[in-house]
N, C-alpha and C. Protein backbone atom coordinates (compact mmCIF):
# COMPACT_ATOMS: atom_id res chain seq x y z
N MET A 1 -30.89 -73.37 50.70
CA MET A 1 -29.66 -73.45 49.96
C MET A 1 -29.35 -72.07 49.37
N LYS A 2 -28.22 -71.55 49.68
CA LYS A 2 -27.83 -70.26 49.14
C LYS A 2 -27.08 -70.43 47.84
N ILE A 3 -27.14 -69.44 47.01
CA ILE A 3 -26.41 -69.47 45.76
C ILE A 3 -25.27 -68.47 45.86
N LEU A 4 -24.09 -68.95 45.57
CA LEU A 4 -22.90 -68.11 45.59
C LEU A 4 -22.65 -67.65 44.17
N PHE A 5 -22.60 -66.36 43.96
CA PHE A 5 -22.47 -65.79 42.62
C PHE A 5 -21.09 -65.19 42.49
N THR A 6 -20.35 -65.66 41.51
CA THR A 6 -19.00 -65.14 41.31
C THR A 6 -18.74 -64.84 39.86
N ILE A 7 -17.87 -63.91 39.64
CA ILE A 7 -17.38 -63.65 38.29
C ILE A 7 -15.96 -64.17 38.26
N ALA A 8 -15.73 -65.20 37.44
CA ALA A 8 -14.45 -65.90 37.46
C ALA A 8 -13.35 -65.12 36.75
N ALA A 9 -13.58 -64.74 35.55
CA ALA A 9 -12.56 -64.00 34.80
C ALA A 9 -13.14 -62.64 34.50
N ILE A 10 -12.65 -61.62 35.15
CA ILE A 10 -13.27 -60.31 35.07
C ILE A 10 -13.33 -59.78 33.65
N VAL A 11 -12.25 -59.55 33.03
CA VAL A 11 -12.30 -59.03 31.67
C VAL A 11 -11.36 -59.86 30.81
N ILE A 12 -11.92 -60.59 29.88
CA ILE A 12 -11.12 -61.43 29.02
C ILE A 12 -10.67 -60.66 27.78
N SER A 13 -11.60 -59.96 27.15
CA SER A 13 -11.19 -59.26 25.93
C SER A 13 -12.05 -58.03 25.69
N THR A 14 -11.47 -57.11 24.98
CA THR A 14 -12.18 -55.93 24.52
C THR A 14 -11.76 -55.71 23.08
N SER A 15 -12.74 -55.52 22.21
CA SER A 15 -12.38 -55.28 20.81
C SER A 15 -12.82 -53.89 20.39
N LEU A 16 -12.12 -53.32 19.43
CA LEU A 16 -12.41 -51.96 18.97
C LEU A 16 -13.60 -51.96 18.02
N PHE A 17 -14.35 -50.85 18.03
CA PHE A 17 -15.52 -50.74 17.16
C PHE A 17 -15.83 -49.28 16.92
N ALA A 18 -16.21 -48.96 15.71
CA ALA A 18 -16.83 -47.68 15.33
C ALA A 18 -16.07 -46.44 15.78
N GLY A 19 -14.83 -46.31 15.41
CA GLY A 19 -14.11 -45.06 15.61
C GLY A 19 -13.59 -44.81 17.00
N ASN A 20 -13.59 -45.79 17.87
CA ASN A 20 -13.09 -45.58 19.22
C ASN A 20 -11.64 -46.04 19.37
N GLU A 21 -10.93 -46.18 18.27
CA GLU A 21 -9.58 -46.72 18.30
C GLU A 21 -8.61 -45.89 19.12
N ASN A 22 -8.82 -44.59 19.21
CA ASN A 22 -7.87 -43.71 19.88
C ASN A 22 -8.12 -43.57 21.37
N LYS A 23 -9.20 -44.12 21.87
CA LYS A 23 -9.51 -43.99 23.28
C LYS A 23 -9.02 -45.23 24.02
N ASN A 24 -8.36 -45.02 25.13
CA ASN A 24 -7.84 -46.13 25.91
C ASN A 24 -8.91 -46.65 26.86
N THR A 25 -9.08 -47.97 26.87
CA THR A 25 -10.02 -48.61 27.77
C THR A 25 -9.25 -49.11 28.98
N THR A 26 -9.72 -48.76 30.16
CA THR A 26 -9.02 -49.17 31.38
C THR A 26 -9.73 -50.37 32.01
N ASP A 27 -9.00 -51.10 32.84
CA ASP A 27 -9.59 -52.22 33.57
C ASP A 27 -10.68 -51.73 34.51
N LYS A 28 -10.53 -50.52 35.03
CA LYS A 28 -11.54 -49.95 35.93
C LYS A 28 -12.86 -49.78 35.18
N ASP A 29 -12.80 -49.29 33.93
CA ASP A 29 -14.01 -49.13 33.13
C ASP A 29 -14.69 -50.47 32.88
N LYS A 30 -13.90 -51.46 32.51
CA LYS A 30 -14.44 -52.79 32.23
C LYS A 30 -15.04 -53.40 33.50
N THR A 31 -14.35 -53.23 34.61
CA THR A 31 -14.82 -53.78 35.87
C THR A 31 -16.15 -53.15 36.28
N SER A 32 -16.34 -51.87 36.00
CA SER A 32 -17.61 -51.22 36.36
C SER A 32 -18.78 -51.80 35.57
N VAL A 33 -18.55 -52.13 34.30
CA VAL A 33 -19.61 -52.75 33.49
C VAL A 33 -19.92 -54.13 34.03
N ILE A 34 -18.89 -54.89 34.37
CA ILE A 34 -19.10 -56.24 34.87
C ILE A 34 -19.78 -56.21 36.24
N ALA A 35 -19.47 -55.22 37.05
CA ALA A 35 -20.16 -55.07 38.34
C ALA A 35 -21.64 -54.78 38.12
N SER A 36 -21.96 -53.98 37.11
CA SER A 36 -23.36 -53.71 36.77
C SER A 36 -24.07 -55.00 36.36
N VAL A 37 -23.39 -55.81 35.56
CA VAL A 37 -23.96 -57.08 35.12
C VAL A 37 -24.19 -57.99 36.33
N ALA A 38 -23.23 -58.06 37.23
CA ALA A 38 -23.37 -58.90 38.42
C ALA A 38 -24.57 -58.47 39.25
N ASN A 39 -24.79 -57.17 39.38
CA ASN A 39 -25.95 -56.67 40.13
C ASN A 39 -27.26 -57.04 39.45
N LEU A 40 -27.27 -57.00 38.12
CA LEU A 40 -28.49 -57.34 37.38
C LEU A 40 -28.83 -58.82 37.48
N ILE A 41 -27.82 -59.66 37.37
CA ILE A 41 -28.03 -61.10 37.33
C ILE A 41 -28.11 -61.72 38.71
N GLY A 42 -27.41 -61.14 39.68
CA GLY A 42 -27.22 -61.77 40.97
C GLY A 42 -28.29 -61.57 42.01
N ASN A 43 -29.52 -61.27 41.64
CA ASN A 43 -30.60 -61.13 42.62
C ASN A 43 -30.83 -62.48 43.29
N GLN A 44 -30.56 -62.56 44.57
CA GLN A 44 -30.59 -63.83 45.30
C GLN A 44 -31.95 -64.51 45.24
N GLU A 45 -33.03 -63.76 45.38
CA GLU A 45 -34.37 -64.35 45.38
C GLU A 45 -34.70 -64.98 44.03
N ILE A 46 -34.33 -64.30 42.96
CA ILE A 46 -34.60 -64.83 41.62
C ILE A 46 -33.76 -66.07 41.36
N LEU A 47 -32.48 -66.03 41.72
CA LEU A 47 -31.62 -67.19 41.52
C LEU A 47 -32.11 -68.38 42.34
N ASP A 48 -32.58 -68.14 43.56
CA ASP A 48 -33.13 -69.22 44.38
C ASP A 48 -34.37 -69.81 43.73
N ALA A 49 -35.26 -68.95 43.25
CA ALA A 49 -36.50 -69.42 42.63
C ALA A 49 -36.24 -70.21 41.35
N LEU A 50 -35.29 -69.76 40.57
CA LEU A 50 -34.98 -70.45 39.32
C LEU A 50 -34.17 -71.72 39.55
N GLY A 51 -33.38 -71.74 40.62
CA GLY A 51 -32.54 -72.89 40.90
C GLY A 51 -31.44 -73.07 39.87
N VAL A 52 -30.97 -71.98 39.28
CA VAL A 52 -29.95 -72.08 38.24
C VAL A 52 -28.56 -72.20 38.85
N ASN A 53 -27.71 -72.90 38.13
CA ASN A 53 -26.29 -72.94 38.45
C ASN A 53 -25.55 -73.29 37.17
N GLY A 54 -24.27 -73.02 37.16
CA GLY A 54 -23.47 -73.32 35.99
C GLY A 54 -22.54 -72.19 35.63
N GLN A 55 -21.93 -72.33 34.47
CA GLN A 55 -20.97 -71.35 33.98
C GLN A 55 -21.41 -70.87 32.61
N ALA A 56 -21.16 -69.59 32.34
CA ALA A 56 -21.50 -69.02 31.05
C ALA A 56 -20.41 -68.07 30.59
N ASP A 57 -20.13 -68.12 29.31
CA ASP A 57 -19.22 -67.17 28.68
C ASP A 57 -20.11 -66.09 28.06
N VAL A 58 -20.02 -64.87 28.58
CA VAL A 58 -20.93 -63.80 28.21
C VAL A 58 -20.18 -62.71 27.45
N THR A 59 -20.77 -62.23 26.36
CA THR A 59 -20.21 -61.13 25.58
C THR A 59 -21.29 -60.07 25.43
N ILE A 60 -20.96 -58.84 25.86
CA ILE A 60 -21.91 -57.73 25.74
C ILE A 60 -21.25 -56.55 25.05
N LYS A 61 -22.10 -55.67 24.52
CA LYS A 61 -21.63 -54.41 23.94
C LYS A 61 -22.45 -53.29 24.56
N VAL A 62 -21.79 -52.16 24.82
CA VAL A 62 -22.45 -50.99 25.38
C VAL A 62 -22.56 -49.93 24.29
N ASP A 63 -23.78 -49.44 24.04
CA ASP A 63 -23.96 -48.43 22.99
C ASP A 63 -23.75 -47.02 23.52
N GLU A 64 -23.94 -46.03 22.66
CA GLU A 64 -23.69 -44.62 22.99
C GLU A 64 -24.56 -44.12 24.14
N SER A 65 -25.71 -44.74 24.34
CA SER A 65 -26.63 -44.32 25.40
C SER A 65 -26.37 -45.04 26.72
N GLY A 66 -25.36 -45.91 26.74
CA GLY A 66 -25.07 -46.67 27.95
C GLY A 66 -25.96 -47.89 28.10
N ILE A 67 -26.62 -48.30 27.04
CA ILE A 67 -27.49 -49.47 27.07
C ILE A 67 -26.69 -50.70 26.67
N MET A 68 -26.83 -51.76 27.47
CA MET A 68 -26.09 -53.00 27.22
C MET A 68 -26.88 -53.91 26.29
N HIS A 69 -26.15 -54.54 25.37
CA HIS A 69 -26.73 -55.49 24.43
C HIS A 69 -25.96 -56.79 24.51
N VAL A 70 -26.68 -57.90 24.66
CA VAL A 70 -26.04 -59.21 24.75
C VAL A 70 -25.70 -59.66 23.33
N GLU A 71 -24.43 -59.91 23.10
CA GLU A 71 -24.00 -60.41 21.79
C GLU A 71 -23.93 -61.92 21.78
N ALA A 72 -23.54 -62.53 22.90
CA ALA A 72 -23.46 -63.99 22.95
C ALA A 72 -23.48 -64.47 24.40
N VAL A 73 -24.10 -65.62 24.60
CA VAL A 73 -24.06 -66.33 25.87
C VAL A 73 -23.84 -67.79 25.52
N GLN A 74 -22.74 -68.35 25.99
CA GLN A 74 -22.46 -69.75 25.73
C GLN A 74 -22.46 -70.51 27.04
N THR A 75 -23.42 -71.42 27.16
CA THR A 75 -23.55 -72.25 28.35
C THR A 75 -24.35 -73.49 27.98
N ASN A 76 -24.27 -74.51 28.81
CA ASN A 76 -25.05 -75.73 28.60
C ASN A 76 -26.39 -75.67 29.33
N ASN A 77 -26.63 -74.61 30.08
CA ASN A 77 -27.84 -74.48 30.88
C ASN A 77 -28.76 -73.45 30.23
N TYR A 78 -29.84 -73.93 29.61
CA TYR A 78 -30.76 -73.03 28.90
C TYR A 78 -31.37 -72.00 29.84
N LEU A 79 -31.76 -72.40 31.03
CA LEU A 79 -32.39 -71.48 31.98
C LEU A 79 -31.42 -70.38 32.41
N LEU A 80 -30.17 -70.74 32.61
CA LEU A 80 -29.15 -69.75 32.96
C LEU A 80 -28.96 -68.77 31.81
N GLU A 81 -28.88 -69.28 30.58
CA GLU A 81 -28.73 -68.41 29.41
C GLU A 81 -29.91 -67.45 29.30
N TYR A 82 -31.12 -67.97 29.46
CA TYR A 82 -32.33 -67.14 29.38
C TYR A 82 -32.30 -66.05 30.45
N HIS A 83 -31.94 -66.40 31.68
CA HIS A 83 -31.89 -65.42 32.77
C HIS A 83 -30.86 -64.34 32.49
N ILE A 84 -29.70 -64.73 31.99
CA ILE A 84 -28.66 -63.75 31.67
C ILE A 84 -29.13 -62.80 30.59
N ARG A 85 -29.68 -63.34 29.51
CA ARG A 85 -30.15 -62.50 28.39
C ARG A 85 -31.26 -61.54 28.84
N GLN A 86 -32.23 -62.05 29.60
CA GLN A 86 -33.34 -61.21 30.03
C GLN A 86 -32.91 -60.14 31.03
N SER A 87 -31.90 -60.45 31.84
CA SER A 87 -31.45 -59.50 32.85
C SER A 87 -30.61 -58.37 32.27
N ILE A 88 -29.81 -58.68 31.24
CA ILE A 88 -28.86 -57.70 30.72
C ILE A 88 -29.40 -56.90 29.54
N GLU A 89 -30.05 -57.56 28.60
CA GLU A 89 -30.45 -56.90 27.34
C GLU A 89 -31.31 -55.66 27.62
N GLY A 90 -30.84 -54.52 27.13
CA GLY A 90 -31.58 -53.27 27.25
C GLY A 90 -31.37 -52.54 28.57
N ALA A 91 -30.59 -53.11 29.47
CA ALA A 91 -30.34 -52.44 30.75
C ALA A 91 -29.38 -51.28 30.54
N LYS A 92 -29.62 -50.21 31.26
CA LYS A 92 -28.78 -49.02 31.12
C LYS A 92 -27.74 -49.00 32.23
N THR A 93 -26.53 -48.61 31.86
CA THR A 93 -25.44 -48.50 32.83
C THR A 93 -24.64 -47.23 32.56
N ILE A 94 -23.92 -46.77 33.54
CA ILE A 94 -23.08 -45.60 33.37
C ILE A 94 -21.68 -46.08 33.00
N VAL A 95 -21.21 -45.64 31.84
CA VAL A 95 -19.88 -46.04 31.37
C VAL A 95 -19.12 -44.83 30.89
N SER A 96 -17.81 -44.97 30.88
CA SER A 96 -16.99 -43.89 30.33
C SER A 96 -16.99 -44.01 28.81
N ASP A 97 -16.58 -42.95 28.15
CA ASP A 97 -16.55 -42.93 26.68
C ASP A 97 -15.65 -44.01 26.11
N SER A 98 -14.68 -44.47 26.88
CA SER A 98 -13.74 -45.47 26.36
C SER A 98 -14.41 -46.83 26.11
N LEU A 99 -15.58 -47.08 26.70
CA LEU A 99 -16.26 -48.36 26.50
C LEU A 99 -17.40 -48.29 25.49
N VAL A 100 -17.78 -47.12 25.07
CA VAL A 100 -18.90 -46.98 24.15
C VAL A 100 -18.56 -47.67 22.83
N GLY A 101 -19.45 -48.57 22.41
CA GLY A 101 -19.27 -49.29 21.16
C GLY A 101 -18.29 -50.44 21.23
N LYS A 102 -17.80 -50.76 22.40
CA LYS A 102 -16.84 -51.85 22.53
C LYS A 102 -17.50 -53.10 23.10
N THR A 103 -16.86 -54.21 22.86
CA THR A 103 -17.35 -55.50 23.33
C THR A 103 -16.55 -55.94 24.54
N VAL A 104 -17.25 -56.41 25.57
CA VAL A 104 -16.60 -56.91 26.78
C VAL A 104 -17.05 -58.36 26.97
N SER A 105 -16.08 -59.26 27.15
CA SER A 105 -16.37 -60.68 27.39
C SER A 105 -15.86 -61.09 28.75
N PHE A 106 -16.61 -61.95 29.42
CA PHE A 106 -16.19 -62.45 30.72
C PHE A 106 -16.88 -63.78 30.99
N ILE A 107 -16.34 -64.51 31.95
CA ILE A 107 -16.91 -65.79 32.35
C ILE A 107 -17.65 -65.59 33.66
N LEU A 108 -18.86 -66.10 33.72
CA LEU A 108 -19.71 -65.93 34.87
C LEU A 108 -20.01 -67.30 35.47
N ASN A 109 -19.85 -67.45 36.77
CA ASN A 109 -20.16 -68.71 37.47
C ASN A 109 -21.28 -68.49 38.47
N VAL A 110 -22.27 -69.36 38.45
CA VAL A 110 -23.32 -69.36 39.46
C VAL A 110 -23.27 -70.75 40.09
N VAL A 111 -22.97 -70.80 41.39
CA VAL A 111 -22.75 -72.08 42.07
C VAL A 111 -23.70 -72.19 43.25
N GLN A 112 -24.35 -73.33 43.39
CA GLN A 112 -25.20 -73.58 44.55
C GLN A 112 -24.34 -74.10 45.69
N SER A 113 -24.55 -73.59 46.87
CA SER A 113 -23.82 -74.07 48.04
C SER A 113 -24.77 -74.18 49.23
N LYS A 114 -24.38 -74.98 50.19
CA LYS A 114 -25.23 -75.20 51.38
C LYS A 114 -24.91 -74.22 52.45
C-alpha cells in the first residue's frame, strides 16, 4: 500500500513578528518552506512503517538561523502529530529574510491509497 502525501492548503497565514514589518513575504518564500517540510515528513519508508494517515493543521516559525520550530500541530492522530513534530522541530532550512521570525500555517494531508 502506497501513501500519497499532499499539502492541501499551501499557505494559509503569515503573521508579523520581531521587527520584520517592513519586509514583504512572497508566496514563493512560503512555498519553499512548505516544500522543505514536505521533504522532511514525506519519507515513504517511514510513512509506510508508521502506517499514518490523516490531516493536520501545522504552524511553524523560522528563526534567524533558518531553524524551524513547531508552534502547533492540530490533528486527531497522535502518531501523525508525533511524526510531524519530530521531523520538523530543529530542522534547518534556507529561507529569505522576509520569513525570518514569521509564522507559517498550512494544512497537511497524508492519505493511504492502493
